[in-house]
Amino acid sequence: MRVQFLGTGGYHPNDRRETACIHLPDLGVVFDAGTAMYRLPAKMESDEITFFLSHAHLDHIIGLTYLLPAIGDGLLKKIRLFGAESVLDAVRTHLFAAPVFPVMPDFEFHLLGEQGEIKLTDVAVLTHQRLPSHSGGSMAYRIDSQKGEWSMAYVTDTSVDGTYTEFIRGVDLLIHECYFPDSRMNLANRTGHSYTTPVAELARDAHVGRLVCVHVNPQDDTDDPIGIPAARAIHAATEIAVDGLEIVL
């Protein structure tokens, strides 16, 4: 299964990274709909797409407004949105409010509870778990091959608090927010975000395979905004994602 990192930054785009958007073309699934959404139509392999939204902050949903050209050109014929009730309401009543963006696409809205399981295809099952630590909360997602051939999880906009260690345990690929380096841990804790050492310790303790850090601070456009040597000293298979990265599981 291919995992395409279309947007890997947080809060706002910069010259290196657009905001959150992870595409799984083999399943027709996208995690979050940030400013990288304009890249999606060229990557799609079907005229149907399913979004799983972590939460309703603009850097994770603004790209839904970018889909109109693909809809108008016939590239997209069915769009499903999965998310918590507050997230779906924010898309309906705020993002597509008439004074803001007056054209509401024909989305299918699907409500997610606190936790649960969805059969995506004959080969993959998605599970989800609500995370409380970020402002308004966030949803973590995991996908497992039904034959046990691969597994992955997507966790963003949360502090590492131990509540989802078992949820991600043993995945081959963990895509996890790492907004700040350790030197800014106080700000991370105040804002409900993650910083380097706890993210790496989580990957180690949950026995995940590859840790790929996303949603990094866009105000730091250096090659290493999180302190990757410190992370690798804890969990060796750790890297910072860049836009355009593709991983095959």
Protein backbone atom coordinates (compact mmCIF):
# COMPACT_ATOMS: atom_id res chain seq x y z
CA MET A 1 0.00 0.00 0.00
CA ARG A 2 1.25 3.47 -0.92
CA VAL A 3 1.22 6.41 1.48
CA GLN A 4 1.67 9.82 -0.17
CA PHE A 5 2.57 12.83 1.96
CA LEU A 6 0.98 15.75 0.12
CA GLY A 7 1.15 18.19 3.04
CA THR A 8 3.38 17.77 6.09
CA GLY A 9 3.39 21.12 7.91
CA GLY A 10 1.22 22.63 10.61
CA TYR A 11 -0.75 25.85 11.10
CA HIS A 12 0.13 27.59 7.82
CA PRO A 13 2.05 26.70 4.65
CA ASN A 14 5.61 27.81 4.04
CA ASP A 15 8.03 27.37 1.15
CA ARG A 16 8.82 23.80 2.24
CA ARG A 17 5.50 22.41 3.37
CA GLU A 18 1.77 22.76 2.81
CA THR A 19 -0.57 21.83 5.66
CA ALA A 20 -1.92 18.40 6.54
CA CYS A 21 -2.89 15.99 3.79
CA ILE A 22 -1.98 12.28 3.64
CA HIS A 23 -3.20 10.29 0.61
CA LEU A 24 -3.60 6.52 0.34
CA PRO A 25 -4.30 6.07 -3.38
CA ASP A 26 -4.75 2.30 -3.20
CA LEU A 27 -7.68 2.77 -0.81
CA GLY A 28 -9.03 6.09 -2.09
CA VAL A 29 -8.52 7.54 1.40
CA VAL A 30 -7.20 10.92 2.54
CA PHE A 31 -6.37 11.93 6.09
CA ASP A 32 -7.12 15.63 6.58
CA ALA A 33 -7.67 18.30 3.98
CA GLY A 34 -5.15 21.08 4.45
CA THR A 35 -3.65 23.49 1.95
CA ALA A 36 -1.96 20.64 0.05
CA MET A 37 -5.36 19.61 -1.29
CA TYR A 38 -4.66 21.26 -4.64
CA ARG A 39 -2.18 18.42 -5.26
CA LEU A 40 -4.78 15.67 -4.81
CA PRO A 41 -6.54 15.59 -8.22
CA ALA A 42 -3.31 14.73 -10.04
CA LYS A 43 -2.75 11.83 -7.61
CA MET A 44 -6.24 10.29 -7.59
CA GLU A 45 -6.82 6.91 -9.22
CA SER A 46 -10.60 6.89 -8.83
CA ASP A 47 -13.48 9.35 -9.13
CA GLU A 48 -14.43 8.62 -5.51
CA ILE A 49 -12.53 9.77 -2.43
CA THR A 50 -13.04 9.31 1.31
CA PHE A 51 -11.74 11.84 3.84
CA PHE A 52 -11.09 11.10 7.48
CA LEU A 53 -10.75 14.40 9.31
CA SER A 54 -8.84 14.64 12.57
CA HIS A 55 -10.44 17.91 13.70
CA ALA A 56 -11.83 21.16 12.34
CA HIS A 57 -8.98 23.64 12.60
CA LEU A 58 -8.51 25.43 9.29
CA ASP A 59 -5.11 23.92 8.50
CA HIS A 60 -6.89 20.54 8.36
CA ILE A 61 -10.11 21.39 6.47
CA ILE A 62 -9.49 24.47 4.30
CA GLY A 63 -8.56 22.31 1.31
CA LEU A 64 -12.11 20.99 1.03
CA THR A 65 -12.88 24.29 -0.69
CA TYR A 66 -10.24 23.47 -3.33
CA LEU A 67 -12.19 20.49 -4.68
CA LEU A 68 -14.69 22.41 -6.82
CA PRO A 69 -12.57 22.40 -10.01
CA ALA A 70 -12.12 18.61 -9.82
CA ILE A 71 -15.85 18.21 -9.23
CA GLY A 72 -16.68 20.54 -12.11
CA ASP A 73 -14.30 18.69 -14.45
CA GLY A 74 -15.85 15.34 -13.56
CA LEU A 75 -12.70 14.01 -11.88
CA LEU A 76 -14.56 13.65 -8.58
CA LYS A 77 -18.05 12.17 -8.49
CA LYS A 78 -18.38 11.03 -4.90
CA ILE A 79 -16.81 12.59 -1.80
CA ARG A 80 -17.30 11.10 1.66
CA LEU A 81 -16.38 13.00 4.82
CA PHE A 82 -15.92 11.13 8.10
CA GLY A 83 -15.41 12.98 11.37
CA ALA A 84 -16.74 13.80 14.80
CA GLU A 85 -20.04 15.65 14.98
CA SER A 86 -18.39 18.97 15.82
CA VAL A 87 -16.04 18.62 12.84
CA LEU A 88 -18.78 17.88 10.33
CA ASP A 89 -20.87 20.74 11.73
CA ALA A 90 -17.91 23.11 11.34
CA VAL A 91 -17.53 22.12 7.68
CA ARG A 92 -21.25 22.58 7.00
CA THR A 93 -21.98 25.72 8.95
CA HIS A 94 -18.68 27.61 8.98
CA LEU A 95 -16.32 26.58 6.19
CA PHE A 96 -19.15 26.58 3.65
CA ALA A 97 -21.20 29.37 5.21
CA ALA A 98 -22.68 31.53 2.47
CA PRO A 99 -20.63 34.67 3.24
CA VAL A 100 -17.41 32.62 3.31
CA PHE A 101 -17.78 30.09 0.50
CA PRO A 102 -21.28 29.99 -0.97
CA VAL A 103 -21.05 26.73 -2.98
CA MET A 104 -21.54 23.57 -0.93
CA PRO A 105 -20.28 20.47 -2.76
CA ASP A 106 -22.43 17.36 -2.62
CA PHE A 107 -20.53 15.78 0.25
CA GLU A 108 -21.66 12.62 2.00
CA PHE A 109 -21.31 13.27 5.75
CA HIS A 110 -20.58 10.29 8.01
CA LEU A 111 -20.53 10.70 11.78
CA LEU A 112 -17.83 9.04 13.88
CA GLY A 113 -18.30 8.28 17.56
CA GLU A 114 -15.63 8.27 20.24
CA GLN A 115 -14.15 5.05 18.85
CA GLY A 116 -15.06 2.36 16.38
CA GLU A 117 -14.20 0.32 13.30
CA ILE A 118 -14.97 0.71 9.59
CA LYS A 119 -14.34 -1.82 6.85
CA LEU A 120 -12.76 0.21 4.07
CA THR A 121 -12.38 -2.52 1.46
CA ASP A 122 -12.02 -6.27 1.37
CA VAL A 123 -8.35 -5.80 2.26
CA ALA A 124 -8.30 -3.09 4.96
CA VAL A 125 -10.06 -2.08 8.18
CA LEU A 126 -9.91 1.37 9.78
CA THR A 127 -10.26 2.00 13.50
CA HIS A 128 -10.50 5.38 15.19
CA GLN A 129 -10.13 6.79 18.68
CA ARG A 130 -10.96 10.21 20.06
CA LEU A 131 -8.07 12.14 21.66
CA PRO A 132 -8.89 14.87 24.21
CA SER A 133 -5.73 16.91 24.68
CA HIS A 134 -5.87 19.36 21.74
CA SER A 135 -8.28 22.30 21.74
CA GLY A 136 -11.60 20.78 20.71
CA GLY A 137 -10.10 17.29 20.61
CA SER A 138 -8.74 15.29 17.69
CA MET A 139 -9.31 11.87 16.12
CA ALA A 140 -6.57 9.26 15.71
CA TYR A 141 -6.82 6.72 12.90
CA ARG A 142 -5.34 3.30 12.29
CA ILE A 143 -5.60 1.06 9.21
CA ASP A 144 -4.74 -2.63 9.21
CA SER A 145 -4.54 -5.05 6.32
CA GLN A 146 -7.08 -7.80 6.92
CA LYS A 147 -4.36 -10.35 6.13
CA GLY A 148 -1.93 -8.77 8.57
CA GLU A 149 0.48 -7.72 5.83
CA TRP A 150 0.82 -4.09 6.93
CA SER A 151 -0.52 -1.51 9.37
CA MET A 152 -0.29 2.24 9.86
CA ALA A 153 -1.60 4.98 12.13
CA TYR A 154 -2.15 8.72 11.75
CA VAL A 155 -2.10 10.84 14.90
CA THR A 156 -1.97 14.62 14.88
CA ASP A 157 -2.73 17.67 17.02
CA THR A 158 -2.42 16.04 20.40
CA SER A 159 -0.08 15.84 23.34
CA VAL A 160 1.47 12.44 24.02
CA ASP A 161 -0.47 11.38 27.11
CA GLY A 162 -0.50 7.59 27.15
CA THR A 163 -4.18 7.28 26.25
CA TYR A 164 -3.55 5.89 22.77
CA THR A 165 -0.39 3.80 23.17
CA GLU A 166 -2.33 0.56 22.78
CA PHE A 167 -4.26 1.96 19.83
CA ILE A 168 -1.08 2.36 17.78
CA ARG A 169 0.85 -0.59 19.19
CA GLY A 170 2.89 -2.52 16.66
CA VAL A 171 2.03 -0.54 13.53
CA ASP A 172 4.53 -0.70 10.69
CA LEU A 173 4.20 3.05 10.10
CA LEU A 174 3.29 5.72 12.63
CA ILE A 175 2.62 9.17 11.18
CA HIS A 176 2.63 11.48 14.19
CA GLU A 177 2.63 15.18 14.78
CA CYS A 178 5.84 16.62 16.19
CA TYR A 179 5.22 20.35 16.19
CA PHE A 180 8.00 21.45 18.52
CA PRO A 181 11.52 20.46 19.65
CA ASP A 182 12.13 19.67 23.31
CA SER A 183 13.29 23.23 23.95
CA ARG A 184 9.68 24.40 23.46
CA MET A 185 7.96 21.75 25.55
CA ASN A 186 6.13 24.32 27.67
CA LEU A 187 4.48 25.83 24.60
CA ALA A 188 3.65 22.37 23.30
CA ASN A 189 1.92 21.48 26.55
CA ARG A 190 -0.01 24.76 26.65
CA THR A 191 -1.31 24.34 23.11
CA GLY A 192 -2.04 20.62 23.13
CA HIS A 193 0.73 19.77 20.69
CA SER A 194 3.60 17.26 20.71
CA TYR A 195 7.36 17.66 21.04
CA THR A 196 10.27 15.44 20.16
CA THR A 197 11.19 13.21 23.10
CA PRO A 198 7.65 12.04 24.04
CA VAL A 199 6.86 11.26 20.40
CA ALA A 200 10.00 9.15 20.02
CA GLU A 201 9.40 7.44 23.37
CA LEU A 202 5.83 6.65 22.30
CA ALA A 203 7.11 5.01 19.10
CA ARG A 204 9.66 3.00 21.09
CA ASP A 205 7.25 1.93 23.82
CA ALA A 206 4.51 0.98 21.36
CA HIS A 207 6.98 -1.04 19.29
CA VAL A 208 6.11 0.68 16.05
CA GLY A 209 8.26 0.24 12.96
CA ARG A 210 8.87 3.51 11.16
CA LEU A 211 8.07 6.87 12.80
CA VAL A 212 7.44 9.71 10.36
CA CYS A 213 6.98 13.12 11.97
CA VAL A 214 4.55 15.61 10.40
CA HIS A 215 2.76 18.84 11.33
CA VAL A 216 6.05 20.52 12.18
CA ASN A 217 6.28 24.18 13.09
CA PRO A 218 6.10 26.25 9.86
CA GLN A 219 7.89 29.16 11.50
CA ASP A 220 11.06 27.03 11.53
CA ASP A 221 11.95 26.27 7.91
CA THR A 222 15.33 24.71 8.66
CA ASP A 223 16.22 21.15 7.67
CA ASP A 224 15.61 19.93 11.21
CA PRO A 225 12.94 21.84 13.15
CA ILE A 226 12.42 19.13 15.80
CA GLY A 227 15.89 17.84 16.76
CA ILE A 228 15.96 14.57 14.85
CA PRO A 229 19.21 13.23 16.42
CA ALA A 230 17.54 13.26 19.84
CA ALA A 231 14.55 11.38 18.43
CA ARG A 232 16.72 8.78 16.72
CA ALA A 233 18.65 8.18 19.93
CA ILE A 234 15.35 6.92 21.35
CA HIS A 235 13.74 5.36 18.26
CA ALA A 236 16.22 4.87 15.44
CA ALA A 237 13.70 4.57 12.61
CA THR A 238 12.54 8.18 12.85
CA GLU A 239 12.39 10.83 10.14
CA ILE A 240 10.77 14.16 9.30
CA ALA A 241 8.37 14.01 6.38
CA VAL A 242 8.66 16.36 3.44
CA ASP A 243 5.97 17.13 0.90
CA GLY A 244 6.17 14.60 -1.92
CA LEU A 245 7.44 11.72 0.21
CA GLU A 246 5.91 8.35 -0.74
CA ILE A 247 6.18 5.22 1.40
CA VAL A 248 5.20 1.75 0.29
CA LEU A 249 4.07 -0.64 3.01
